[in-house]
PDB file of N, CA and C in Angstrom:
ATOM      1  N   MET A   1     -21.828  -6.375 -10.575  1.00  0.00           N
ATOM      2  CA  MET A   1     -20.679  -6.610  -9.613  1.00  0.00           C
ATOM      3  C   MET A   1     -21.351  -5.790  -8.334  1.00  0.00           C
ATOM      4  N   PHE A   2     -20.746  -6.228  -6.940  1.00  0.00           N
ATOM      5  CA  PHE A   2     -21.956  -5.504  -5.791  1.00  0.00           C
ATOM      6  C   PHE A   2     -20.443  -5.064  -5.044  1.00  0.00           C
ATOM      7  N   TRP A   3     -20.124  -4.230  -4.689  1.00  0.00           N
ATOM      8  CA  TRP A   3     -18.828  -3.642  -4.069  1.00  0.00           C
ATOM      9  C   TRP A   3     -18.858  -3.181  -2.431  1.00  0.00           C
ATOM     10  N   SER A   4     -17.776  -4.313  -2.149  1.00  0.00           N
ATOM     11  CA  SER A   4     -18.574  -3.794  -0.412  1.00  0.00           C
ATOM     12  C   SER A   4     -17.178  -3.457   0.504  1.00  0.00           C
ATOM     13  N   PRO A   5     -17.761  -2.650   1.669  1.00  0.00           N
ATOM     14  CA  PRO A   5     -15.934  -2.464   2.310  1.00  0.00           C
ATOM     15  C   PRO A   5     -15.749  -3.435   3.314  1.00  0.00           C
ATOM     16  N   ALA A   6     -14.878  -3.886   3.294  1.00  0.00           N
ATOM     17  CA  ALA A   6     -14.273  -5.138   4.000  1.00  0.00           C
ATOM     18  C   ALA A   6     -13.965  -5.233   5.061  1.00  0.00           C
ATOM     19  N   PHE A   7     -14.165  -3.437   5.903  1.00  0.00           N
ATOM     20  CA  PHE A   7     -14.544  -3.572   7.283  1.00  0.00           C
ATOM     21  C   PHE A   7     -15.456  -3.183   8.155  1.00  0.00           C
ATOM     22  N   LYS A   8     -15.711  -2.912   9.152  1.00  0.00           N
ATOM     23  CA  LYS A   8     -17.015  -2.530  10.113  1.00  0.00           C
ATOM     24  C   LYS A   8     -16.701  -1.386   9.786  1.00  0.00           C
ATOM     25  N   VAL A   9     -18.179  -0.911   9.815  1.00  0.00           N
ATOM     26  CA  VAL A   9     -18.245   0.593  10.373  1.00  0.00           C
ATOM     27  C   VAL A   9     -19.188   0.841  10.677  1.00  0.00           C
ATOM     28  N   LEU A  10     -19.951   1.480  11.036  1.00  0.00           N
ATOM     29  CA  LEU A  10     -21.301   2.336  11.432  1.00  0.00           C
ATOM     30  C   LEU A  10     -22.797   1.619  10.311  1.00  0.00           C
ATOM     31  N   PRO A  11     -23.914   1.392  10.691  1.00  0.00           N
ATOM     32  CA  PRO A  11     -24.506   1.398   9.269  1.00  0.00           C
ATOM     33  C   PRO A  11     -24.887   2.132   8.214  1.00  0.00           C
ATOM     34  N   HIS A  12     -25.053   2.893   8.301  1.00  0.00           N
ATOM     35  CA  HIS A  12     -24.765   3.954   7.533  1.00  0.00           C
ATOM     36  C   HIS A  12     -24.348   4.765   6.368  1.00  0.00           C
ATOM     37  N   LEU A  13     -22.870   4.803   7.561  1.00  0.00           N
ATOM     38  CA  LEU A  13     -21.599   4.826   6.496  1.00  0.00           C
ATOM     39  C   LEU A  13     -21.317   3.616   6.212  1.00  0.00           C
ATOM     40  N   PHE A  14     -21.432   2.553   6.339  1.00  0.00           N
ATOM     41  CA  PHE A  14     -21.574   0.779   5.533  1.00  0.00           C
ATOM     42  C   PHE A  14     -22.271   1.052   4.411  1.00  0.00           C
ATOM     43  N   LEU A  15     -23.356   1.654   4.406  1.00  0.00           N
ATOM     44  CA  LEU A  15     -24.506   1.675   3.343  1.00  0.00           C
ATOM     45  C   LEU A  15     -24.169   2.918   1.728  1.00  0.00           C
ATOM     46  N   ARG A  16     -23.538   3.520   2.446  1.00  0.00           N
ATOM     47  CA  ARG A  16     -23.473   5.024   1.855  1.00  0.00           C
ATOM     48  C   ARG A  16     -21.813   4.430   0.900  1.00  0.00           C
ATOM     49  N   LEU A  17     -21.488   3.377   1.865  1.00  0.00           N
ATOM     50  CA  LEU A  17     -19.910   3.065   1.110  1.00  0.00           C
ATOM     51  C   LEU A  17     -20.389   2.265   0.144  1.00  0.00           C
ATOM     52  N   THR A  18     -21.104   1.513   0.457  1.00  0.00           N
ATOM     53  CA  THR A  18     -21.374   0.121  -0.514  1.00  0.00           C
ATOM     54  C   THR A  18     -22.213   0.853  -1.664  1.00  0.00           C
ATOM     55  N   GLN A  19     -23.051   1.543  -1.546  1.00  0.00           N
ATOM     56  CA  GLN A  19     -23.377   2.418  -2.660  1.00  0.00           C
ATOM     57  C   GLN A  19     -22.801   3.147  -3.780  1.00  0.00           C
ATOM     58  N   GLY A  20     -21.977   3.671  -3.084  1.00  0.00           N
ATOM     59  CA  GLY A  20     -20.996   4.824  -4.119  1.00  0.00           C
ATOM     60  C   GLY A  20     -19.966   4.304  -4.655  1.00  0.00           C
ATOM     61  N   MET A  21     -19.210   2.637  -4.133  1.00  0.00           N
ATOM     62  CA  MET A  21     -18.776   2.421  -4.721  1.00  0.00           C
ATOM     63  C   MET A  21     -18.661   0.951  -5.722  1.00  0.00           C
ATOM     64  N   THR A  22     -20.498   0.417  -5.324  1.00  0.00           N
ATOM     65  CA  THR A  22     -20.947  -0.261  -6.922  1.00  0.00           C
ATOM     66  C   THR A  22     -21.006   0.538  -7.682  1.00  0.00           C
ATOM     67  N   ILE A  23     -21.530   1.881  -7.347  1.00  0.00           N
ATOM     68  CA  ILE A  23     -22.201   2.629  -8.569  1.00  0.00           C
ATOM     69  C   ILE A  23     -20.971   3.123  -9.349  1.00  0.00           C
ATOM     70  N   SER A  24     -19.646   3.132  -8.587  1.00  0.00           N
ATOM     71  CA  SER A  24     -18.591   3.945  -9.420  1.00  0.00           C
ATOM     72  C   SER A  24     -17.545   3.198  -9.061  1.00  0.00           C
ATOM     73  N   GLN A  25     -17.678   1.870  -9.103  1.00  0.00           N
ATOM     74  CA  GLN A  25     -16.515   1.011  -9.410  1.00  0.00           C
ATOM     75  C   GLN A  25     -15.538   1.099  -9.948  1.00  0.00           C
ATOM     76  N   PRO A  26     -14.009   1.139  -9.325  1.00  0.00           N
ATOM     77  CA  PRO A  26     -12.802   0.694 -10.678  1.00  0.00           C
ATOM     78  C   PRO A  26     -13.309   0.059 -12.375  1.00  0.00           C
ATOM     79  N   ARG A  27     -12.639   0.500 -13.525  1.00  0.00           N
ATOM     80  CA  ARG A  27     -12.541   0.336 -14.750  1.00  0.00           C
ATOM     81  C   ARG A  27     -11.390  -0.350 -15.018  1.00  0.00           C
ATOM     82  N   GLU A  28     -10.120   0.164 -14.441  1.00  0.00           N
ATOM     83  CA  GLU A  28      -8.913   0.184 -14.846  1.00  0.00           C
ATOM     84  C   GLU A  28      -8.634  -1.147 -14.208  1.00  0.00           C
ATOM     85  N   GLU A  29      -7.353  -1.834 -14.447  1.00  0.00           N
ATOM     86  CA  GLU A  29      -6.906  -3.246 -13.861  1.00  0.00           C
ATOM     87  C   GLU A  29      -6.704  -3.276 -12.614  1.00  0.00           C
ATOM     88  N   PHE A  30      -6.653  -4.124 -12.117  1.00  0.00           N
ATOM     89  CA  PHE A  30      -5.747  -3.833 -11.005  1.00  0.00           C
ATOM     90  C   PHE A  30      -4.793  -4.054 -10.166  1.00  0.00           C
ATOM     91  N   GLU A  31      -3.699  -3.569  -9.840  1.00  0.00           N
ATOM     92  CA  GLU A  31      -2.130  -4.220  -9.116  1.00  0.00           C
ATOM     93  C   GLU A  31      -2.017  -5.268  -8.710  1.00  0.00           C
ATOM     94  N   ARG A  32      -1.678  -6.262  -9.061  1.00  0.00           N
ATOM     95  CA  ARG A  32      -1.523  -8.084  -8.549  1.00  0.00           C
ATOM     96  C   ARG A  32      -0.955  -7.397  -6.739  1.00  0.00           C
ATOM     97  N   SER A  33      -0.266  -6.485  -6.862  1.00  0.00           N
ATOM     98  CA  SER A  33       0.745  -7.010  -5.491  1.00  0.00           C
ATOM     99  C   SER A  33       0.450  -5.413  -4.214  1.00  0.00           C
ATOM    100  N   LEU A  34       0.331  -6.323  -3.281  1.00  0.00           N
ATOM    101  CA  LEU A  34      -0.032  -5.045  -2.481  1.00  0.00           C
ATOM    102  C   LEU A  34       1.360  -3.883  -2.187  1.00  0.00           C
ATOM    103  N   PRO A  35       0.680  -2.831  -1.931  1.00  0.00           N
ATOM    104  CA  PRO A  35       2.065  -1.326  -1.301  1.00  0.00           C
ATOM    105  C   PRO A  35       2.198  -1.563  -0.350  1.00  0.00           C
ATOM    106  N   ARG A  36       3.711  -1.131  -0.097  1.00  0.00           N
ATOM    107  CA  ARG A  36       4.207  -0.765   0.793  1.00  0.00           C
ATOM    108  C   ARG A  36       3.607   0.028   1.835  1.00  0.00           C
ATOM    109  N   SER A  37       2.522   0.952   1.598  1.00  0.00           N
ATOM    110  CA  SER A  37       2.247   1.240   3.193  1.00  0.00           C
ATOM    111  C   SER A  37       0.810   0.279   3.473  1.00  0.00           C
ATOM    112  N   SER A  38       0.378   0.815   5.032  1.00  0.00           N
ATOM    113  CA  SER A  38      -0.304   0.238   5.479  1.00  0.00           C
ATOM    114  C   SER A  38      -1.373  -0.068   5.481  1.00  0.00           C
ATOM    115  N   LEU A  39      -2.041  -1.035   5.727  1.00  0.00           N
ATOM    116  CA  LEU A  39      -2.890  -1.465   5.477  1.00  0.00           C
ATOM    117  C   LEU A  39      -4.388  -1.762   6.521  1.00  0.00           C
ATOM    118  N   TYR A  40      -5.131  -0.740   5.568  1.00  0.00           N
ATOM    119  CA  TYR A  40      -6.216  -0.303   6.952  1.00  0.00           C
ATOM    120  C   TYR A  40      -7.084  -2.540   7.085  1.00  0.00           C
ATOM    121  N   PRO A  41      -6.840  -3.192   7.985  1.00  0.00           N
ATOM    122  CA  PRO A  41      -6.843  -4.352   7.880  1.00  0.00           C
ATOM    123  C   PRO A  41      -8.771  -4.881   7.871  1.00  0.00           C
ATOM    124  N   VAL A  42      -8.791  -6.302   7.306  1.00  0.00           N
ATOM    125  CA  VAL A  42     -10.070  -6.702   6.910  1.00  0.00           C
ATOM    126  C   VAL A  42     -10.813  -6.968   8.125  1.00  0.00           C
ATOM    127  N   THR A  43     -12.246  -7.041   8.037  1.00  0.00           N
ATOM    128  CA  THR A  43     -12.736  -6.884   9.803  1.00  0.00           C
ATOM    129  C   THR A  43     -13.941  -7.382   9.254  1.00  0.00           C
ATOM    130  N   LEU A  44     -14.612  -7.860   8.440  1.00  0.00           N
ATOM    131  CA  LEU A  44     -15.771  -8.057   6.953  1.00  0.00           C
ATOM    132  C   LEU A  44     -15.673  -9.293   6.541  1.00  0.00           C
ATOM    133  N   PRO A  45     -16.175 -10.598   7.115  1.00  0.00           N
ATOM    134  CA  PRO A  45     -15.638 -11.937   6.313  1.00  0.00           C
ATOM    135  C   PRO A  45     -16.703 -11.703   4.750  1.00  0.00           C
ATOM    136  N   ALA A  46     -16.243 -12.065   3.684  1.00  0.00           N
ATOM    137  CA  ALA A  46     -16.592 -12.294   2.945  1.00  0.00           C
ATOM    138  C   ALA A  46     -18.321 -12.661   2.826  1.00  0.00           C
ATOM    139  N   SER A  47     -18.631 -13.530   3.622  1.00  0.00           N
ATOM    140  CA  SER A  47     -20.261 -13.618   3.977  1.00  0.00           C
ATOM    141  C   SER A  47     -21.278 -12.525   4.247  1.00  0.00           C
ATOM    142  N   GLU A  48     -20.338 -12.454   5.176  1.00  0.00           N
ATOM    143  CA  GLU A  48     -21.308 -11.180   6.164  1.00  0.00           C
ATOM    144  C   GLU A  48     -21.288 -10.114   4.684  1.00  0.00           C
ATOM    145  N   ALA A  49     -20.236  -9.809   3.783  1.00  0.00           N
ATOM    146  CA  ALA A  49     -20.714  -8.347   2.992  1.00  0.00           C
ATOM    147  C   ALA A  49     -21.728  -9.575   1.788  1.00  0.00           C
ATOM    148  N   ALA A  50     -21.811 -10.401   1.654  1.00  0.00           N
ATOM    149  CA  ALA A  50     -23.324 -10.731   0.550  1.00  0.00           C
ATOM    150  C   ALA A  50     -24.565 -10.592   1.640  1.00  0.00           C
ATOM    151  N   GLU A  51     -24.019 -10.586   2.880  1.00  0.00           N
ATOM    152  CA  GLU A  51     -25.826 -10.464   3.119  1.00  0.00           C
ATOM    153  C   GLU A  51     -26.360  -8.502   3.151  1.00  0.00           C
ATOM    154  N   SER A  52     -24.804  -7.887   3.092  1.00  0.00           N
ATOM    155  CA  SER A  52     -26.115  -6.448   2.782  1.00  0.00           C
ATOM    156  C   SER A  52     -26.220  -6.277   1.107  1.00  0.00           C
ATOM    157  N   ILE A  53     -25.720  -7.523   0.233  1.00  0.00           N
ATOM    158  CA  ILE A  53     -26.016  -7.079  -0.789  1.00  0.00           C
ATOM    159  C   ILE A  53     -28.060  -6.703  -0.958  1.00  0.00           C
ATOM    160  N   ASN A  54     -28.689  -7.327  -0.299  1.00  0.00           N
ATOM    161  CA  ASN A  54     -30.199  -6.967  -0.165  1.00  0.00           C
ATOM    162  C   ASN A  54     -30.606  -6.232   0.226  1.00  0.00           C
ATOM    163  N   ILE A  55     -29.795  -4.965   0.758  1.00  0.00           N
ATOM    164  CA  ILE A  55     -30.517  -3.727   1.098  1.00  0.00           C
ATOM    165  C   ILE A  55     -30.048  -2.868   0.238  1.00  0.00           C
ATOM    166  N   THR A  56     -28.537  -3.250  -0.270  1.00  0.00           N
ATOM    167  CA  THR A  56     -28.566  -2.332  -0.933  1.00  0.00           C
ATOM    168  C   THR A  56     -29.197  -2.044  -2.025  1.00  0.00           C
ATOM    169  N   VAL A  57     -29.795  -3.261  -2.408  1.00  0.00           N
ATOM    170  CA  VAL A  57     -30.616  -3.341  -4.355  1.00  0.00           C
ATOM    171  C   VAL A  57     -32.067  -3.095  -3.680  1.00  0.00           C
ATOM    172  N   ALA A  58     -32.306  -2.752  -2.329  1.00  0.00           N
ATOM    173  CA  ALA A  58     -33.209  -2.117  -1.877  1.00  0.00           C
ATOM    174  C   ALA A  58     -32.924  -0.800  -1.796  1.00  0.00           C
ATOM    175  N   ASN A  59     -31.894  -0.183  -1.043  1.00  0.00           N
ATOM    176  CA  ASN A  59     -31.683   1.450  -1.275  1.00  0.00           C
ATOM    177  C   ASN A  59     -31.149   1.732  -2.753  1.00  0.00           C
ATOM    178  N   PHE A  60     -31.099   0.726  -4.018  1.00  0.00           N
ATOM    179  CA  PHE A  60     -31.153   1.819  -5.416  1.00  0.00           C
ATOM    180  C   PHE A  60     -32.699   1.727  -5.772  1.00  0.00           C
ATOM    181  N   ALA A  61     -33.454   0.922  -5.523  1.00  0.00           N
ATOM    182  CA  ALA A  61     -34.797   0.927  -5.915  1.00  0.00           C
ATOM    183  C   ALA A  61     -35.237   2.319  -5.507  1.00  0.00           C
ATOM    184  N   VAL A  62     -36.267   2.556  -7.013  1.00  0.00           N
ATOM    185  CA  VAL A  62     -37.234   3.782  -6.915  1.00  0.00           C
ATOM    186  C   VAL A  62     -38.635   3.184  -5.947  1.00  0.00           C
ATOM    187  N   ALA A  63     -39.341   2.902  -5.774  1.00  0.00           N
ATOM    188  CA  ALA A  63     -39.828   2.299  -5.159  1.00  0.00           C
ATOM    189  C   ALA A  63     -39.370   1.785  -3.701  1.00  0.00           C
ATOM    190  N   GLN A  64     -39.752   2.075  -2.666  1.00  0.00           N
ATOM    191  CA  GLN A  64     -38.106   1.560  -1.311  1.00  0.00           C
ATOM    192  C   GLN A  64     -39.481   1.187  -1.003  1.00  0.00           C
ATOM    193  N   LYS A  65     -40.977   1.978  -0.855  1.00  0.00           N
ATOM    194  CA  LYS A  65     -41.951   1.440   0.350  1.00  0.00           C
ATOM    195  C   LYS A  65     -42.528   0.009   0.313  1.00  0.00           C
ATOM    196  N   ARG A  66     -42.242  -0.397  -1.781  1.00  0.00           N
ATOM    197  CA  ARG A  66     -43.254  -1.730  -2.000  1.00  0.00           C
ATOM    198  C   ARG A  66     -41.496  -2.646  -1.267  1.00  0.00           C
ATOM    199  N   THR A  67     -40.312  -2.374  -2.012  1.00  0.00           N
ATOM    200  CA  THR A  67     -39.327  -3.333  -2.291  1.00  0.00           C
ATOM    201  C   THR A  67     -38.572  -3.309  -0.148  1.00  0.00           C
ATOM    202  N   PHE A  68     -38.867  -3.175   0.552  1.00  0.00           N
ATOM    203  CA  PHE A  68     -38.482  -3.204   1.680  1.00  0.00           C
ATOM    204  C   PHE A  68     -38.936  -4.247   2.429  1.00  0.00           C
ATOM    205  N   PRO A  69     -40.779  -4.338   2.345  1.00  0.00           N
ATOM    206  CA  PRO A  69     -40.886  -5.099   2.534  1.00  0.00           C
ATOM    207  C   PRO A  69     -40.674  -6.905   2.139  1.00  0.00           C
ATOM    208  N   LYS A  70     -40.267  -6.574   0.841  1.00  0.00           N
ATOM    209  CA  LYS A  70     -40.078  -8.364  -0.192  1.00  0.00           C
ATOM    210  C   LYS A  70     -38.522  -8.724   0.164  1.00  0.00           C
ATOM    211  N   LEU A  71     -38.467  -7.602   0.802  1.00  0.00           N
ATOM    212  CA  LEU A  71     -36.300  -7.819   1.298  1.00  0.00           C
ATOM    213  C   LEU A  71     -36.246  -9.556   1.558  1.00  0.00           C
ATOM    214  N   ASP A  72     -37.040 -10.626   2.476  1.00  0.00           N
ATOM    215  CA  ASP A  72     -37.089 -11.651   2.952  1.00  0.00           C
ATOM    216  C   ASP A  72     -36.725 -12.676   1.134  1.00  0.00           C
ATOM    217  N   GLU A  73     -37.367 -11.842   0.118  1.00  0.00           N
ATOM    218  CA  GLU A  73     -37.666 -13.182  -0.642  1.00  0.00           C
ATOM    219  C   GLU A  73     -36.923 -12.929  -1.863  1.00  0.00           C
ATOM    220  N   ILE A  74     -35.986 -12.041  -1.719  1.00  0.00           N
ATOM    221  CA  ILE A  74     -34.179 -11.838  -2.411  1.00  0.00           C
ATOM    222  C   ILE A  74     -33.640 -13.294  -1.666  1.00  0.00           C
ATOM    223  N   LYS A  75     -33.323 -13.737  -2.483  1.00  0.00           N
ATOM    224  CA  LYS A  75     -32.138 -14.614  -2.390  1.00  0.00           C
ATOM    225  C   LYS A  75     -30.748 -14.524  -3.115  1.00  0.00           C
ATOM    226  N   VAL A  76     -30.110 -14.239  -1.710  1.00  0.00           N
ATOM    227  CA  VAL A  76     -28.671 -14.030  -3.012  1.00  0.00           C
ATOM    228  C   VAL A  76     -27.519 -14.804  -2.729  1.00  0.00           C
ATOM    229  N   TYR A  77     -26.718 -14.965  -3.795  1.00  0.00           N
ATOM    230  CA  TYR A  77     -25.790 -16.661  -3.287  1.00  0.00           C
ATOM    231  C   TYR A  77     -24.358 -15.759  -3.862  1.00  0.00           C
ATOM    232  N   LEU A  78     -23.486 -16.050  -3.051  1.00  0.00           N
ATOM    233  CA  LEU A  78     -22.364 -15.732  -3.728  1.00  0.00           C
ATOM    234  C   LEU A  78     -21.340 -17.056  -4.278  1.00  0.00           C
ATOM    235  N   ASN A  79     -21.023 -16.198  -5.493  1.00  0.00           N
ATOM    236  CA  ASN A  79     -20.546 -17.072  -6.510  1.00  0.00           C
ATOM    237  C   ASN A  79     -18.656 -17.227  -6.176  1.00  0.00           C
ATOM    238  N   GLU A  80     -18.229 -16.338  -6.001  1.00  0.00           N
ATOM    239  CA  GLU A  80     -17.229 -16.108  -5.990  1.00  0.00           C
ATOM    240  C   GLU A  80     -17.211 -13.934  -5.341  1.00  0.00           C
ATOM    241  N   SER A  81     -15.561 -13.587  -5.108  1.00  0.00           N
ATOM    242  CA  SER A  81     -15.723 -12.461  -3.933  1.00  0.00           C
ATOM    243  C   SER A  81     -14.226 -12.587  -4.364  1.00  0.00           C
ATOM    244  N   PHE A  82     -13.569 -11.078  -4.303  1.00  0.00           N
ATOM    245  CA  PHE A  82     -12.462 -10.568  -4.721  1.00  0.00           C
ATOM    246  C   PHE A  82     -11.949  -9.524  -3.405  1.00  0.00           C
ATOM    247  N   LEU A  83     -10.644  -9.863  -2.920  1.00  0.00           N
ATOM    248  CA  LEU A  83     -10.783  -8.906  -1.868  1.00  0.00           C
ATOM    249  C   LEU A  83      -9.822  -7.641  -2.672  1.00  0.00           C
ATOM    250  N   VAL A  84     -10.230  -6.109  -3.106  1.00  0.00           N
ATOM    251  CA  VAL A  84      -9.589  -5.150  -3.816  1.00  0.00           C
ATOM    252  C   VAL A  84      -9.022  -3.758  -2.992  1.00  0.00           C
ATOM    253  N   TYR A  85      -8.115  -3.645  -2.339  1.00  0.00           N
ATOM    254  CA  TYR A  85      -7.748  -2.794  -2.008  1.00  0.00           C
ATOM    255  C   TYR A  85      -7.691  -1.425  -2.821  1.00  0.00           C
ATOM    256  N   LEU A  86      -8.454  -0.553  -1.863  1.00  0.00           N
ATOM    257  CA  LEU A  86      -8.137   0.888  -2.676  1.00  0.00           C
ATOM    258  C   LEU A  86      -7.920   1.645  -1.743  1.00  0.00           C
ATOM    259  N   THR A  87      -6.901   2.948  -2.622  1.00  0.00           N
ATOM    260  CA  THR A  87      -5.877   4.161  -1.917  1.00  0.00           C
ATOM    261  C   THR A  87      -7.088   4.751  -1.553  1.00  0.00           C
ATOM    262  N   PHE A  88      -6.835   5.540  -0.336  1.00  0.00           N
ATOM    263  CA  PHE A  88      -7.746   6.586   0.278  1.00  0.00           C
ATOM    264  C   PHE A  88      -6.404   7.591   0.719  1.00  0.00           C
ATOM    265  N   ILE A  89      -6.859   9.051   0.540  1.00  0.00           N
ATOM    266  CA  ILE A  89      -5.375   9.584   0.862  1.00  0.00           C
ATOM    267  C   ILE A  89      -6.449  10.758   1.537  1.00  0.00           C
ATOM    268  N   SER A  90      -5.079  10.300   2.969  1.00  0.00           N
ATOM    269  CA  SER A  90      -5.118  11.354   4.204  1.00  0.00           C
ATOM    270  C   SER A  90      -5.697  12.592   4.012  1.00  0.00           C
ATOM    271  N   SER A  91      -7.180  13.562   4.444  1.00  0.00           N
ATOM    272  CA  SER A  91      -7.239  14.492   4.274  1.00  0.00           C
ATOM    273  C   SER A  91      -7.778  15.659   5.494  1.00  0.00           C
ATOM    274  N   GLY A  92      -6.594  15.785   6.609  1.00  0.00           N
ATOM    275  CA  GLY A  92      -7.431  16.287   7.518  1.00  0.00           C
ATOM    276  C   GLY A  92      -8.531  15.136   8.532  1.00  0.00           C
ATOM    277  N   VAL A  93      -9.207  15.410   8.244  1.00  0.00           N
ATOM    278  CA  VAL A  93     -10.268  14.496   9.812  1.00  0.00           C
ATOM    279  C   VAL A  93     -11.070  13.225   8.683  1.00  0.00           C
ATOM    280  N   ASP A  94     -10.338  12.902   7.349  1.00  0.00           N
ATOM    281  CA  ASP A  94     -10.871  12.224   6.831  1.00  0.00           C
ATOM    282  C   ASP A  94     -10.172  11.463   5.527  1.00  0.00           C
ATOM    283  N   PHE A  95     -10.528  10.131   5.078  1.00  0.00           N
ATOM    284  CA  PHE A  95      -9.849   9.535   3.769  1.00  0.00           C
ATOM    285  C   PHE A  95     -10.776   9.517   3.047  1.00  0.00           C
ATOM    286  N   ILE A  96      -9.726   9.900   1.546  1.00  0.00           N
ATOM    287  CA  ILE A  96     -10.822  10.325   0.234  1.00  0.00           C
ATOM    288  C   ILE A  96     -10.192   9.202  -0.805  1.00  0.00           C
ATOM    289  N   GLU A  97     -10.470   8.653  -1.337  1.00  0.00           N
ATOM    290  CA  GLU A  97     -10.447   7.819  -2.195  1.00  0.00           C
ATOM    291  C   GLU A  97     -10.663   8.779  -3.446  1.00  0.00           C
ATOM    292  N   PRO A  98      -9.719   8.952  -4.387  1.00  0.00           N
ATOM    293  CA  PRO A  98      -9.710   9.708  -5.369  1.00  0.00           C
ATOM    294  C   PRO A  98     -11.048   9.532  -6.727  1.00  0.00           C
ATOM    295  N   HIS A  99     -10.615   7.699  -7.136  1.00  0.00           N
ATOM    296  CA  HIS A  99     -11.423   7.224  -8.157  1.00  0.00           C
ATOM    297  C   HIS A  99     -12.827   7.913  -8.042  1.00  0.00           C
ATOM    298  N   THR A 100     -13.168   7.569  -6.803  1.00  0.00           N
ATOM    299  CA  THR A 100     -15.307   7.373  -6.783  1.00  0.00           C
ATOM    300  C   THR A 100     -14.779   8.958  -5.734  1.00  0.00           C
ATOM    301  N   GLN A 101     -14.245   9.659  -5.282  1.00  0.00           N
ATOM    302  CA  GLN A 101     -14.491  10.694  -3.946  1.00  0.00           C
ATOM    303  C   GLN A 101     -14.916   9.975  -2.578  1.00  0.00           C
ATOM    304  N   LEU A 102     -14.978   8.954  -2.725  1.00  0.00           N
ATOM    305  CA  LEU A 102     -15.740   8.304  -1.580  1.00  0.00           C
ATOM    306  C   LEU A 102     -14.714   9.047  -0.039  1.00  0.00           C
ATOM    307  N   CYS A 103     -15.687   9.329   0.796  1.00  0.00           N
ATOM    308  CA  CYS A 103     -14.913   9.911   1.378  1.00  0.00           C
ATOM    309  C   CYS A 103     -15.505   9.375   3.251  1.00  0.00           C
ATOM    310  N   ILE A 104     -14.488   8.806   3.921  1.00  0.00           N
ATOM    311  CA  ILE A 104     -14.373   8.289   5.382  1.00  0.00           C
ATOM    312  C   ILE A 104     -14.215   9.044   6.384  1.00  0.00           C
ATOM    313  N   PRO A 105     -15.004   9.323   7.326  1.00  0.00           N
ATOM    314  CA  PRO A 105     -14.109  10.216   8.580  1.00  0.00           C
ATOM    315  C   PRO A 105     -13.413   8.965   9.077  1.00  0.00           C
ATOM    316  N   LYS A 106     -12.142   9.407   9.842  1.00  0.00           N
ATOM    317  CA  LYS A 106     -11.019   8.403  10.592  1.00  0.00           C
ATOM    318  C   LYS A 106     -11.662   8.522  11.080  1.00  0.00           C
ATOM    319  N   SER A 107     -12.949   9.544  12.433  1.00  0.00           N
ATOM    320  CA  SER A 107     -13.084   8.933  13.695  1.00  0.00           C
ATOM    321  C   SER A 107     -14.304   7.782  13.090  1.00  0.00           C
ATOM    322  N   LEU A 108     -14.842   8.153  12.369  1.00  0.00           N
ATOM    323  CA  LEU A 108     -15.889   6.590  12.194  1.00  0.00           C
ATOM    324  C   LEU A 108     -15.182   5.540  11.817  1.00  0.00           C
ATOM    325  N   LEU A 109     -14.011   5.330  11.070  1.00  0.00           N
ATOM    326  CA  LEU A 109     -13.301   3.850  10.891  1.00  0.00           C
ATOM    327  C   LEU A 109     -12.485   3.464  12.405  1.00  0.00           C
ATOM    328  N   LYS A 110     -12.705   4.753  14.108  1.00  0.00           N
ATOM    329  CA  LYS A 110     -12.065   4.204  15.002  1.00  0.00           C
ATOM    330  C   LYS A 110     -13.605   3.486  15.714  1.00  0.00           C
ATOM    331  N   LEU A 111     -14.733   3.882  15.594  1.00  0.00           N
ATOM    332  CA  LEU A 111     -15.659   3.688  15.829  1.00  0.00           C
ATOM    333  C   LEU A 111     -15.843   1.826  15.306  1.00  0.00           C
ATOM    334  N   GLY A 112     -15.804   1.819  13.962  1.00  0.00           N
ATOM    335  CA  GLY A 112     -16.216   0.214  13.568  1.00  0.00           C
ATOM    336  C   GLY A 112     -15.454  -0.476  14.145  1.00  0.00           C
ATOM    337  N   ARG A 113     -13.436   0.173  14.471  1.00  0.00           N
ATOM    338  CA  ARG A 113     -13.167  -1.316  15.227  1.00  0.00           C
ATOM    339  C   ARG A 113     -14.087  -1.979  16.226  1.00  0.00           C
ATOM    340  N   ASP A 114     -14.412  -1.923  16.896  1.00  0.00           N
ATOM    341  CA  ASP A 114     -15.232  -1.326  17.921  1.00  0.00           C
ATOM    342  C   ASP A 114     -16.799  -2.856  17.748  1.00  0.00           C
ATOM    343  N   LEU A 115     -17.265  -2.412  16.622  1.00  0.00           N
ATOM    344  CA  LEU A 115     -18.137  -3.767  15.778  1.00  0.00           C
ATOM    345  C   LEU A 115     -18.042  -4.779  16.209  1.00  0.00           C
TER     346      LEU A 115
END
């Protein structure tokens, strides 16, 4: 299963989050209700998140120089998608997800809103 942020951010952060969430995806059961706290808006359609799977696969590859030229040959089909809100804790200038320890600089979230 591949994970992707559901919001737009700069490409290098998007790739880091996609890889980190895919490697360290939560194993526990998800809560079915939304928290009462404010939620960051969803700004990335599932179809665009699916398009990022090719580049995520290529970045996992050991032989990237051979893999990247073949990205056009990789066909990805989205069978289903789920929207999962992860809880990030505000810590100084960053948001940190406790399970994965992924860090999102608050300033980059602001830049992502303009993408």
